[in-house]
Protein backbone atom coordinates (compact mmCIF):
# COMPACT_ATOMS: atom_id res chain seq x y z
CA MET A 1 97.19 126.11 62.28
CA ALA A 2 94.96 123.31 61.01
CA GLU A 3 91.34 123.50 62.08
CA GLU A 4 90.43 121.01 64.80
CA VAL A 5 88.30 118.14 63.52
CA MET A 6 85.23 117.54 65.67
CA ILE A 7 83.52 114.17 66.06
CA ASN A 8 79.77 113.82 66.67
CA LEU A 9 78.47 110.86 68.67
CA LYS A 10 75.83 109.85 71.18
CA ILE A 11 76.40 108.57 74.70
CA ASN A 12 73.27 107.15 76.36
CA ASP A 13 71.31 108.82 73.55
CA ILE A 14 72.74 112.24 74.45
CA PRO A 15 74.50 114.02 71.53
CA VAL A 16 78.04 115.22 72.17
CA SER A 17 80.73 116.75 69.96
CA VAL A 18 84.42 116.30 70.87
CA PRO A 19 87.80 116.68 69.11
CA LYS A 20 89.06 113.78 67.03
CA GLY A 21 91.22 111.45 69.12
CA THR A 22 89.16 111.85 72.28
CA LYS A 23 88.60 108.65 74.26
CA ILE A 24 85.05 107.62 75.17
CA ILE A 25 85.68 108.11 78.89
CA GLU A 26 86.68 111.76 78.29
CA ALA A 27 83.77 112.37 75.93
CA ALA A 28 81.37 111.11 78.59
CA LYS A 29 82.70 113.66 81.07
CA LYS A 30 81.61 116.44 78.70
CA ILE A 31 77.98 115.55 79.37
CA GLY A 32 78.34 114.77 83.05
CA ILE A 33 78.73 111.00 82.87
CA ASP A 34 81.41 109.46 85.08
CA ILE A 35 82.29 106.05 83.66
CA PRO A 36 83.71 103.90 86.49
CA HIS A 37 87.43 103.24 86.29
CA LEU A 38 90.47 102.21 88.34
CA CYS A 39 93.57 101.91 86.16
CA TYR A 40 92.71 105.03 84.12
CA HIS A 41 94.33 108.33 85.11
CA PRO A 42 93.97 111.51 83.00
CA ASP A 43 97.71 112.30 83.16
CA GLN A 44 98.97 108.80 82.31
CA ARG A 45 99.29 106.64 79.24
CA VAL A 46 96.34 104.33 78.63
CA LYS A 47 96.69 100.95 80.35
CA ALA A 48 93.25 99.34 79.83
CA ARG A 49 94.03 96.78 82.51
CA CYS A 50 91.03 96.74 84.86
CA ARG A 51 88.25 96.88 82.23
CA ILE A 52 85.81 98.36 84.73
CA CYS A 53 85.31 101.18 82.24
CA SER A 54 83.83 98.77 79.69
CA VAL A 55 80.92 100.13 77.62
CA GLU A 56 78.61 98.85 74.92
CA VAL A 57 79.01 100.34 71.44
CA LYS A 58 76.41 99.83 68.75
CA GLY A 59 77.67 97.54 66.02
CA LYS A 60 80.32 95.85 68.16
CA ASN A 61 79.84 92.30 69.40
CA ARG A 62 81.94 92.81 72.51
CA LEU A 63 82.36 95.45 75.19
CA LEU A 64 85.04 98.08 74.64
CA ALA A 65 87.30 99.74 77.21
CA SER A 66 86.23 103.38 77.22
CA CYS A 67 89.66 104.55 78.44
CA SER A 68 91.43 103.23 75.33
CA THR A 69 88.79 103.51 72.59
CA GLU A 70 88.72 106.68 70.49
CA VAL A 71 85.40 108.07 69.39
CA TRP A 72 84.32 108.00 65.75
CA GLU A 73 81.69 109.83 63.75
CA GLY A 74 78.21 108.53 64.45
CA MET A 75 79.30 106.30 67.34
CA GLU A 76 76.53 105.27 69.73
CA VAL A 77 77.71 104.38 73.25
CA HIS A 78 75.75 102.94 76.16
CA THR A 79 77.26 102.95 79.63
CA GLU A 80 74.33 101.66 81.72
CA THR A 81 73.02 98.53 79.96
CA GLU A 82 72.53 95.27 81.86
CA ILE A 83 75.53 93.55 80.32
CA VAL A 84 77.75 96.56 81.11
CA ARG A 85 76.64 96.71 84.73
CA ASP A 86 76.92 92.92 85.22
CA THR A 87 80.43 93.00 83.77
CA GLN A 88 81.52 95.87 86.02
CA VAL A 89 80.08 94.21 89.13
CA GLY A 90 81.75 90.94 88.19
CA ILE A 91 85.14 92.63 87.81
CA LEU A 92 84.77 94.36 91.18
CA GLN A 93 83.85 91.03 92.80
CA LEU A 94 86.97 89.42 91.37
CA ILE A 95 89.17 92.28 92.58
CA MET A 96 87.67 92.12 96.06
CA ALA A 97 88.26 88.36 96.20
CA ASP A 98 92.00 89.00 95.97
CA HIS A 99 92.04 92.08 98.18
CA ASN A 100 92.75 92.66 101.86
CA GLN A 101 89.30 93.84 102.96
CA ASP A 102 90.18 95.55 106.25
CA CYS A 103 88.52 98.71 104.95
CA LEU A 104 87.39 99.95 108.35
CA THR A 105 90.94 100.09 109.73
CA CYS A 106 92.66 100.97 106.45
CA ALA A 107 94.33 104.39 106.42
CA LYS A 108 92.84 104.97 102.96
CA ASN A 109 89.29 104.49 104.28
CA GLY A 110 87.14 107.23 102.77
CA ASN A 111 89.69 108.04 100.05
CA CYS A 112 89.84 104.67 98.30
CA ASP A 113 88.68 104.46 94.68
CA LEU A 114 87.90 100.76 95.03
CA GLN A 115 85.79 101.42 98.12
CA THR A 116 83.96 104.21 96.30
CA LEU A 117 83.12 101.94 93.35
CA CYS A 118 81.90 99.15 95.63
CA SER A 119 79.60 101.66 97.30
CA ARG A 120 78.45 102.95 93.92
CA PHE A 121 77.54 99.43 92.77
CA ASN A 122 76.08 98.50 96.18
CA ILE A 123 78.59 95.72 96.79
CA GLN A 124 78.40 95.39 100.55
CA LYS A 125 80.00 91.96 100.69
CA SER A 126 81.90 89.98 98.08
CA SER A 127 80.03 86.92 96.82
CA LEU A 128 83.34 85.15 96.12
CA PRO A 129 85.67 83.52 98.66
CA ASN A 130 88.65 85.67 99.58
CA VAL A 131 91.92 84.23 98.26
CA CYS A 132 94.14 87.18 99.16
CA LYS A 133 97.61 86.26 100.32
CA TYR A 134 98.48 88.62 103.14
CA LYS A 135 101.93 89.61 102.03
CA THR A 136 104.25 91.83 104.01
CA ALA A 137 106.65 94.38 102.55
CA PRO A 138 109.77 95.78 104.23
CA ASN A 139 108.91 99.30 105.40
CA THR A 140 111.91 100.70 107.24
CA ASN A 141 112.16 104.03 105.40
CA PRO A 142 110.57 107.06 107.10
CA SER A 143 108.51 108.17 104.09
CA LEU A 144 106.44 105.47 102.44
CA VAL A 145 104.85 102.14 103.33
CA ARG A 146 103.71 99.38 100.98
CA ASP A 147 100.96 96.84 101.53
CA PRO A 148 100.91 94.41 98.57
CA SER A 149 97.74 92.76 99.92
CA LYS A 150 95.87 95.91 98.82
CA CYS A 151 97.44 96.12 95.35
CA ILE A 152 94.86 95.76 92.55
CA LYS A 153 97.47 95.55 89.75
CA CYS A 154 96.25 98.74 88.07
CA GLY A 155 99.76 99.89 87.15
CA ARG A 156 99.25 103.55 88.07
CA CYS A 157 102.27 103.58 90.40
CA ILE A 158 104.48 102.04 87.71
CA ARG A 159 103.45 104.65 85.15
CA ALA A 160 104.04 107.50 87.63
CA CYS A 161 107.52 106.21 88.46
CA LYS A 162 108.56 105.35 84.91
CA ASP A 163 106.82 107.89 82.68
CA ALA A 164 106.80 110.99 84.91
CA GLN A 165 109.98 110.44 86.90
CA GLY A 166 111.99 108.14 84.63
CA VAL A 167 113.15 106.19 87.68
CA GLN A 168 111.47 102.79 87.21
CA ALA A 169 111.92 101.81 90.84
CA ILE A 170 108.69 99.81 90.89
CA GLY A 171 107.35 97.23 88.45
CA PHE A 172 105.24 94.11 88.09
CA SER A 173 106.51 90.81 89.45
CA GLY A 174 104.98 87.33 89.10
CA ARG A 175 102.30 86.05 86.76
CA SER A 176 98.57 85.49 86.71
CA HIS A 177 97.07 85.62 90.22
CA ASN A 178 100.58 86.10 91.68
CA LEU A 179 101.10 89.35 89.78
CA VAL A 180 101.91 92.29 92.04
CA ALA A 181 103.52 95.72 91.78
CA THR A 182 106.70 95.59 93.84
CA MET A 183 110.27 96.82 94.28
CA PRO A 184 113.31 94.89 92.94
CA PHE A 185 113.81 91.77 95.09
CA ASN A 186 110.90 93.07 97.25
CA MET A 187 113.36 95.29 99.11
CA ASP A 188 112.58 98.40 101.12
CA MET A 189 112.00 101.38 98.87
CA ALA A 190 114.93 103.41 100.24
CA LYS A 191 117.40 100.67 99.24
CA THR A 192 116.37 100.68 95.58
CA ASP A 193 116.35 103.31 92.82
CA CYS A 194 113.32 104.84 94.60
CA ILE A 195 113.81 108.48 95.64
CA LEU A 196 110.75 108.53 97.95
CA CYS A 197 109.02 111.31 96.00
CA GLY A 198 105.64 109.68 96.68
CA GLN A 199 104.18 110.14 93.21
CA CYS A 200 103.22 106.46 93.36
CA SER A 201 101.23 107.06 96.55
CA LEU A 202 99.50 110.07 94.99
CA VAL A 203 98.01 108.00 92.15
CA CYS A 204 97.46 104.68 93.97
CA PRO A 205 93.68 104.07 94.04
CA THR A 206 93.83 101.92 97.19
CA GLY A 207 96.00 101.67 100.32
CA ALA A 208 98.78 99.70 98.62
CA ILE A 209 101.26 102.62 98.80
CA MET A 210 100.88 105.39 101.35
CA GLU A 211 102.91 107.86 103.36
CA LYS A 212 104.10 106.75 106.79
CA ASP A 213 101.50 108.17 109.18
CA ASP A 214 102.96 110.36 111.95
CA THR A 215 99.72 111.96 113.13
CA ARG A 216 99.55 109.88 116.33
CA LYS A 217 103.03 110.97 117.34
CA VAL A 218 102.17 114.64 116.78
CA LEU A 219 98.90 114.34 118.71
CA ASP A 220 100.79 112.84 121.66
CA TRP A 221 103.16 115.83 121.70
CA LEU A 222 100.26 118.25 121.53
CA GLN A 223 98.71 116.59 124.59
CA ASP A 224 101.97 116.80 126.58
CA PRO A 225 101.98 120.05 128.64
CA SER A 226 105.75 119.85 129.08
CA LYS A 227 106.32 120.24 125.32
CA HIS A 228 106.39 123.51 123.40
CA VAL A 229 105.19 122.39 119.96
CA ILE A 230 105.62 124.69 116.98
CA VAL A 231 104.66 124.11 113.37
CA GLN A 232 105.76 125.49 109.99
CA ILE A 233 103.63 125.33 106.84
CA ALA A 234 105.01 125.06 103.31
CA PRO A 235 103.74 127.54 100.69
CA ALA A 236 102.11 124.84 98.55
CA VAL A 237 99.93 123.55 101.40
CA ARG A 238 97.82 126.73 101.59
CA VAL A 239 96.57 126.25 98.03
CA SER A 240 95.99 122.50 98.21
CA LEU A 241 94.64 121.71 101.69
CA GLY A 242 91.21 122.95 100.68
CA ASP A 243 90.99 120.19 98.05
CA ALA A 244 90.96 117.56 100.79
CA LEU A 245 88.32 119.46 102.76
CA GLY A 246 85.71 119.89 100.05
CA LEU A 247 86.73 123.27 98.63
CA LYS A 248 87.43 124.09 94.99
CA PRO A 249 90.91 123.15 93.71
CA GLY A 250 93.34 126.02 94.16
CA SER A 251 91.40 127.65 96.99
CA ILE A 252 93.62 129.87 99.16
CA VAL A 253 93.05 128.83 102.79
CA THR A 254 96.01 130.44 104.54
CA GLY A 255 94.07 132.15 107.33
CA GLN A 256 91.74 129.22 108.06
CA MET A 257 94.71 126.85 108.05
CA VAL A 258 96.49 128.91 110.71
CA THR A 259 93.34 128.96 112.83
CA ALA A 260 92.89 125.19 112.49
CA LEU A 261 96.47 124.55 113.63
CA LYS A 262 96.00 126.78 116.65
CA MET A 263 92.77 124.92 117.45
CA LEU A 264 94.69 121.64 117.21
CA GLY A 265 96.91 122.90 120.04
CA PHE A 266 100.14 124.07 118.44
CA ASP A 267 101.84 126.69 120.62
CA LYS A 268 103.10 128.69 117.64
CA VAL A 269 102.21 128.59 113.95
CA PHE A 270 104.96 129.79 111.62
CA ASP A 271 105.34 130.23 107.87
CA THR A 272 107.87 128.28 105.81
CA ASN A 273 107.78 131.29 103.45
CA PHE A 274 110.00 132.98 106.04
CA ALA A 275 112.55 130.19 105.62
CA ALA A 276 112.14 130.32 101.84
CA ASP A 277 113.26 133.96 102.01
CA LEU A 278 116.19 132.87 104.16
CA THR A 279 117.06 130.20 101.58
CA ILE A 280 117.12 132.81 98.83
CA MET A 281 119.53 134.95 100.87
CA GLU A 282 121.95 132.06 101.36
CA GLU A 283 121.51 130.40 97.98
CA GLY A 284 121.60 133.69 96.09
CA HIS A 285 124.84 134.76 97.74
CA GLU A 286 126.28 131.29 97.16
CA LEU A 287 125.53 131.65 93.44
CA LEU A 288 127.23 135.07 93.33
CA HIS A 289 130.23 133.65 95.20
CA ARG A 290 130.57 130.81 92.71
CA ILE A 291 130.30 133.17 89.73
CA GLN A 292 132.86 135.61 91.15
CA ASN A 293 135.31 133.02 92.48
CA GLY A 294 135.35 130.30 89.85
CA GLY A 295 133.11 127.89 91.76
CA THR A 296 131.37 124.87 90.27
CA LEU A 297 128.79 125.91 87.70
CA PRO A 298 126.05 125.50 86.88
CA MET A 299 124.79 125.62 90.43
CA ILE A 300 121.64 123.57 90.95
CA THR A 301 119.00 124.09 93.63
CA SER A 302 118.83 121.61 96.50
CA CYS A 303 115.47 122.35 98.17
CA SER A 304 113.63 119.36 96.64
CA PRO A 305 114.56 116.25 98.67
CA GLY A 306 113.36 113.83 96.01
CA TRP A 307 115.72 115.54 93.57
CA VAL A 308 118.61 115.38 96.05
CA ASN A 309 117.93 111.68 96.62
CA TYR A 310 117.94 111.14 92.84
CA LEU A 311 121.29 112.83 92.39
CA GLU A 312 122.88 110.93 95.27
CA LYS A 313 121.74 107.60 93.82
CA HIS A 314 121.86 108.12 90.06
CA TYR A 315 124.36 110.93 89.38
CA PRO A 316 126.71 111.11 92.40
CA GLU A 317 129.44 112.62 90.25
CA MET A 318 127.20 115.69 89.83
CA ILE A 319 126.86 116.39 93.57
CA PRO A 320 129.39 119.31 93.46
CA HIS A 321 126.86 121.19 91.32
CA LEU A 322 124.26 121.12 94.13
CA SER A 323 123.81 124.23 96.21
CA THR A 324 124.98 123.58 99.76
CA ALA A 325 122.03 125.60 101.09
CA LYS A 326 119.54 123.50 103.01
CA SER A 327 115.89 123.47 102.04
CA PRO A 328 113.55 126.05 103.62
CA MET A 329 112.12 123.34 105.89
CA SER A 330 115.51 122.38 107.26
CA MET A 331 116.67 125.98 107.55
CA PHE A 332 113.58 126.75 109.59
CA GLY A 333 114.26 123.78 111.83
CA ALA A 334 117.86 124.87 112.41
CA ILE A 335 116.81 128.43 113.28
CA ALA A 336 113.98 127.17 115.51
CA LYS A 337 116.32 124.92 117.49
CA THR A 338 118.88 127.73 117.98
CA TYR A 339 117.73 131.34 117.52
CA TYR A 340 114.08 130.77 118.49
CA ALA A 341 114.91 128.48 121.42
CA GLU A 342 117.40 131.02 122.81
CA LYS A 343 115.05 133.94 122.24
CA MET A 344 112.15 132.20 124.00
CA GLY A 345 114.26 130.52 126.69
CA ILE A 346 113.09 127.00 125.80
CA ARG A 347 115.17 123.87 126.47
CA LEU A 348 115.79 121.79 123.36
CA ASP A 349 114.40 118.73 125.13
CA ASP A 350 111.09 120.57 125.47
CA LEU A 351 110.93 122.08 121.97
CA ILE A 352 109.17 120.10 119.23
CA THR A 353 109.22 121.28 115.61
CA VAL A 354 106.61 119.93 113.21
CA SER A 355 106.51 120.61 109.47
CA ILE A 356 103.45 120.48 107.22
CA MET A 357 104.76 119.63 103.77
CA PRO A 358 103.32 118.62 100.39
CA CYS A 359 106.08 116.02 100.08
CA THR A 360 106.71 112.48 101.34
CA ALA A 361 110.46 112.77 100.75
CA LYS A 362 110.55 115.54 103.37
CA LYS A 363 110.06 112.83 106.01
CA TYR A 364 113.32 111.27 104.82
CA GLU A 365 115.06 114.65 104.70
CA ALA A 366 114.08 115.43 108.30
CA ALA A 367 115.56 112.11 109.45
CA ARG A 368 118.94 112.64 107.76
CA PRO A 369 121.67 112.81 110.45
CA GLU A 370 123.19 115.97 108.95
CA MET A 371 119.89 117.79 109.54
CA GLY A 372 120.49 118.24 113.25
CA ARG A 373 123.14 118.55 115.95
CA HIS A 374 123.91 117.56 119.53
CA GLY A 375 121.50 114.64 119.44
CA HIS A 376 118.51 116.71 118.27
CA GLN A 377 116.98 116.69 114.81
CA ASP A 378 116.05 120.15 113.56
CA VAL A 379 112.63 118.88 112.44
CA ASP A 380 111.04 116.31 114.73
CA ALA A 381 108.16 115.27 112.49
CA VAL A 382 106.82 115.94 109.00
CA LEU A 383 103.13 115.66 108.16
CA THR A 384 101.92 115.67 104.57
CA THR A 385 99.01 117.80 103.42
CA ARG A 386 96.91 114.63 103.54
CA GLU A 387 97.88 113.98 107.16
CA LEU A 388 96.99 117.54 108.16
CA ALA A 389 93.57 117.10 106.53
CA LYS A 390 93.18 113.89 108.53
CA LEU A 391 93.93 115.74 111.80
CA ILE A 392 91.49 118.53 110.96
CA LYS A 393 88.74 116.00 110.26
CA TYR A 394 89.66 114.04 113.39
CA VAL A 395 88.90 116.95 115.71
CA GLY A 396 85.85 118.01 113.71
CA ILE A 397 87.01 121.43 112.52
CA ARG A 398 84.72 122.96 109.89
CA PHE A 399 86.81 125.02 107.47
CA ASP A 400 83.76 126.89 106.21
CA MET A 401 82.96 128.13 109.71
CA ILE A 402 86.29 129.09 111.31
CA PRO A 403 87.74 132.63 111.11
CA GLU A 404 91.05 133.50 109.50
CA ASN A 405 94.16 134.09 111.58
CA THR A 406 97.74 135.29 111.03
CA PHE A 407 101.09 133.60 111.52
CA ASP A 408 103.01 134.10 114.74
CA SER A 409 106.29 136.00 115.11
CA PRO A 410 109.28 136.10 114.86
CA LEU A 411 109.40 133.36 112.18
CA GLY A 412 106.07 134.05 110.53
CA THR A 413 106.71 136.84 108.03
CA GLY A 414 107.13 135.64 104.46
CA SER A 415 107.35 137.47 101.14
CA GLY A 416 105.61 136.79 97.86
CA ALA A 417 108.94 135.42 96.64
CA GLY A 418 108.72 132.82 99.38
CA ALA A 419 105.14 131.98 98.44
CA ILE A 420 105.94 131.10 94.82
CA PHE A 421 108.54 128.56 95.99
CA GLY A 422 105.72 126.04 95.73
CA ALA A 423 105.48 126.30 91.93
CA THR A 424 107.94 125.15 89.30
CA GLY A 425 110.04 128.20 88.43
CA GLY A 426 109.22 129.87 91.72
CA VAL A 427 112.61 129.32 93.35
CA MET A 428 114.33 130.69 90.26
CA GLU A 429 112.09 133.76 90.12
CA ALA A 430 112.53 134.44 93.84
CA ALA A 431 116.30 134.18 93.47
CA LEU A 432 116.34 136.42 90.41
CA ARG A 433 114.40 139.15 92.22
CA THR A 434 117.08 139.29 94.91
CA VAL A 435 120.21 138.56 92.87
CA TYR A 436 119.27 141.07 90.18
CA GLU A 437 118.90 143.90 92.69
CA LYS A 438 122.00 142.91 94.66
CA VAL A 439 124.17 142.84 91.53
CA THR A 440 122.78 145.82 89.61
CA GLY A 441 121.71 148.01 92.52
CA LYS A 442 118.55 148.68 90.55
CA GLU A 443 114.97 147.70 91.24
CA ALA A 444 113.72 144.84 89.10
CA THR A 445 111.01 146.21 86.80
CA PRO A 446 108.76 144.41 86.21
CA LEU A 447 109.12 142.20 89.25
CA GLU A 448 107.62 139.21 87.44
CA PHE A 449 110.12 137.06 85.53
CA GLU A 450 107.60 135.58 83.11
CA ASP A 451 110.12 133.49 81.16
CA VAL A 452 110.67 131.13 84.09
CA ARG A 453 106.94 130.54 84.64
CA GLY A 454 104.75 127.94 83.00
CA PHE A 455 104.18 124.19 83.00
CA ASP A 456 106.72 123.20 80.34
CA GLY A 457 109.02 120.42 81.53
CA ILE A 458 112.18 122.38 80.67
CA LYS A 459 112.30 126.17 80.43
CA GLU A 460 115.27 128.41 79.61
CA ALA A 461 115.96 132.13 79.94
CA THR A 462 118.91 134.52 79.81
CA TYR A 463 119.28 137.65 81.95
CA ASP A 464 121.78 140.50 82.06
CA LEU A 465 123.09 140.86 85.62
CA GLY A 466 125.29 143.91 85.65
CA GLY A 467 126.88 143.17 82.29
CA THR A 468 127.14 139.41 82.87
CA GLN A 469 124.87 137.20 80.79
CA VAL A 470 123.38 134.54 83.03
CA LYS A 471 121.54 131.65 81.41
CA VAL A 472 119.15 129.73 83.64
CA ALA A 473 117.06 126.58 83.29
CA ILE A 474 113.97 125.42 85.15
CA VAL A 475 113.08 121.73 85.27
CA HIS A 476 110.32 119.72 86.90
CA THR A 477 110.10 115.90 87.11
CA LEU A 478 113.23 113.79 87.25
CA LYS A 479 112.75 112.51 83.71
CA ASN A 480 113.40 116.06 82.52
CA ALA A 481 116.19 116.55 85.07
CA LYS A 482 118.02 113.61 83.49
CA VAL A 483 118.02 115.44 80.15
CA ILE A 484 119.75 118.45 81.73
CA LEU A 485 122.22 116.34 83.71
CA ASP A 486 123.29 114.45 80.61
CA LYS A 487 123.86 117.78 78.84
CA ILE A 488 126.09 118.96 81.69
CA LYS A 489 128.08 115.71 81.62
CA CYS A 490 128.60 116.02 77.86
CA GLY A 491 129.73 119.64 78.13
CA GLU A 492 126.74 120.85 76.13
CA CYS A 493 125.35 122.99 78.93
CA ASP A 494 126.10 126.71 79.30
CA TYR A 495 123.71 127.36 82.17
CA THR A 496 124.76 129.28 85.26
CA PHE A 497 121.88 128.38 87.54
CA ILE A 498 119.33 125.53 87.35
CA GLU A 499 116.19 124.93 89.38
CA VAL A 500 115.05 121.32 89.67
CA MET A 501 111.82 120.16 91.27
CA ALA A 502 111.23 116.43 91.52
CA CYS A 503 107.44 116.50 91.25
CA PRO A 504 105.23 117.60 88.34
CA GLY A 505 104.48 121.31 88.73
CA GLY A 506 106.80 121.57 91.73
CA CYS A 507 105.66 121.28 95.34
CA ILE A 508 102.03 121.98 94.43
CA GLY A 509 102.10 118.51 92.84
CA GLY A 510 104.07 116.81 95.60
CA GLY A 511 103.60 113.19 96.58
CA GLY A 512 101.95 114.17 99.86
CA GLN A 513 99.23 116.32 98.32
CA PRO A 514 95.51 115.43 98.39
CA TYR A 515 94.37 112.40 96.41
CA GLY A 516 92.86 113.22 93.05
CA THR A 517 95.64 115.65 92.10
CA THR A 518 95.90 116.05 88.32
CA ASN A 519 97.82 118.41 86.05
CA GLU A 520 94.68 120.51 85.65
CA ILE A 521 94.50 120.92 89.43
CA ARG A 522 98.25 121.59 89.63
CA ARG A 523 97.82 124.54 87.26
CA LYS A 524 95.06 125.98 89.45
CA ARG A 525 97.30 125.75 92.51
CA ILE A 526 100.16 127.47 90.67
CA ALA A 527 97.83 130.29 89.65
CA ALA A 528 96.75 130.64 93.28
CA LEU A 529 100.37 131.00 94.47
CA TYR A 530 101.00 133.76 91.94
CA GLU A 531 97.78 135.40 93.14
CA ILE A 532 99.12 135.32 96.71
CA ASP A 533 102.41 136.86 95.55
CA LYS A 534 100.69 139.60 93.58
CA GLY A 535 98.49 140.53 96.53
CA LEU A 536 101.37 141.05 98.97
CA THR A 537 103.21 144.31 99.59
CA LEU A 538 106.37 142.41 100.54
CA ARG A 539 107.51 140.52 97.43
CA LYS A 540 111.30 140.29 97.73
CA SER A 541 113.19 138.01 100.09
CA HIS A 542 115.93 140.50 100.94
CA GLU A 543 113.34 143.06 102.09
CA ASN A 544 111.73 140.72 104.64
CA PRO A 545 112.06 142.59 107.99
CA ASP A 546 112.22 139.36 110.02
CA ILE A 547 115.07 138.12 107.82
CA ILE A 548 116.92 141.42 108.24
CA THR A 549 116.50 141.15 112.03
CA LEU A 550 117.67 137.53 112.04
CA TYR A 551 120.94 138.44 110.33
CA LYS A 552 121.41 141.48 112.53
CA GLU A 553 120.77 139.67 115.82
CA PHE A 554 122.07 136.18 115.11
CA LEU A 555 123.59 135.17 111.76
CA GLY A 556 125.68 138.23 110.91
CA GLU A 557 125.52 138.04 107.14
CA PRO A 558 124.82 135.52 104.37
CA LEU A 559 127.52 132.83 104.09
CA SER A 560 128.93 133.76 107.50
CA GLU A 561 130.53 131.05 109.63
CA LYS A 562 127.34 130.66 111.67
CA SER A 563 125.23 130.54 108.51
CA HIS A 564 127.44 127.82 107.07
CA HIS A 565 127.20 125.82 110.28
CA LEU A 566 123.42 126.02 110.56
CA LEU A 567 122.05 126.60 107.07
CA HIS A 568 124.35 124.67 104.75
CA THR A 569 125.13 120.98 104.41
CA HIS A 570 126.77 118.41 102.15
CA TYR A 571 125.57 115.41 100.17
CA THR A 572 127.21 112.06 99.42
CA GLN A 573 126.74 109.12 97.09
CA VAL A 574 124.14 106.56 98.16
CA HIS A 575 124.83 102.98 97.12
CA LYS A 576 121.83 100.83 96.26
CA ALA A 577 121.58 97.46 98.00
CA TYR A 578 121.44 95.47 94.77
CA GLU A 579 124.44 97.04 93.02
CA PHE A 580 127.09 94.50 92.09
């Protein structure tokens, strides 16, 4: 391996040495200097649109964008000169002049990058007349809302949709001062190529794209004494919620999170890990059934709603490859509205199920008509991790002062296999732990399937299951999923089972996670989930005692008639409004 070439330079007269190819903005971070920026994002291609990151470089007769300029030997950079500061203030003033300045009532208040920069530069009021055109955008989908009047034309959302997901549902329209990031024909997101994954909202520096806020609705239920309100929490939330509450990225806050939800007034706090174990039981047996009975292979996981939306819109001919098993969230909802309601003697009209998810597409999934029965949806409301953080702050709960608590029963016991569902490769590993032991009758040793772990976009592995060679693939982001789908269509694929997660890193990088999420932070969250798994005694889905009891008392066995009715579903092609 060639030795890395290091470059020596000075930033504000402070010496720093960084690898060749490093941009000025990254080099400055090495010595604790945060160069202001808006369009720049560490996980995206350089855009150099906003120019707020402009710096002065000795020997150059103009300012350079620090996000796009590579360092060179002997470079001398100054980030705090008068001309640099005047330029940055001037750019912010121009942006504010074409911006909807309802900051006090904006849902992004306190989490807005533009607001933070205005505070940093002491811009309390724009010196320029406001010329913002208060545009409206159709927002009929249950997941995301757009407000073009708050768009600053940074292009982050476009890069997230195109480069990470390969969808290209959003792009620039218009010219000059009429330029805006928008959907084709300015239609509602759900009617376009958009799959509501929310990656655009995760990187948007302002309130131009956000999740649909359902906190008020949930608070109203919690204040209604006639309602029995229960909540389930996805595995990825317990390693990301702390980010939004001032803790270190990847902090495990399971116990404090349960306590906070009880303090908010939820009657019962349950663990989606329980439903993840249930999903493995159904999905694992479905895979075995397909292998043994000539079913459609490869079978592909269906627990990521953004992925399901993508397949329904872009590859409808591949729908037969999807597992019919519902996602853990929807399985939990179905069991809560049947088994739990019967066990507790609660009328369905009085039972409210709330889900805390790292995903904006889960709001859409919960609203799908097939995810309910007899006029009742299995999940009544979905809150993102960001919305939960908002509720916790609203009631003034201090995470650093509250004690830890445990999940309630009978839907609160989850295994380590359920916990790692939140990471790319986690569903596959959880399934392998169960399927391997069911097929071979032997204990999996070691229990960790290392080949399916990691942050690579596409991973492959082959395992011997009782004399049958099973090749699996693990994919995250839809851009990588497209590669696998095209292989299947061309007959070049010999996989038996494929896991697909729509978001980078899996659910830990979902579109509803705390603002500021980067790939570096995603890796810390993944490590935390594996730490949770390793620290548990119960690490296999099929050994979960609550799951065993559920089948014994209610479902019978995996793939039974009742299981099919409650825990499985079907998917159909979705036609886009602008198809001709």
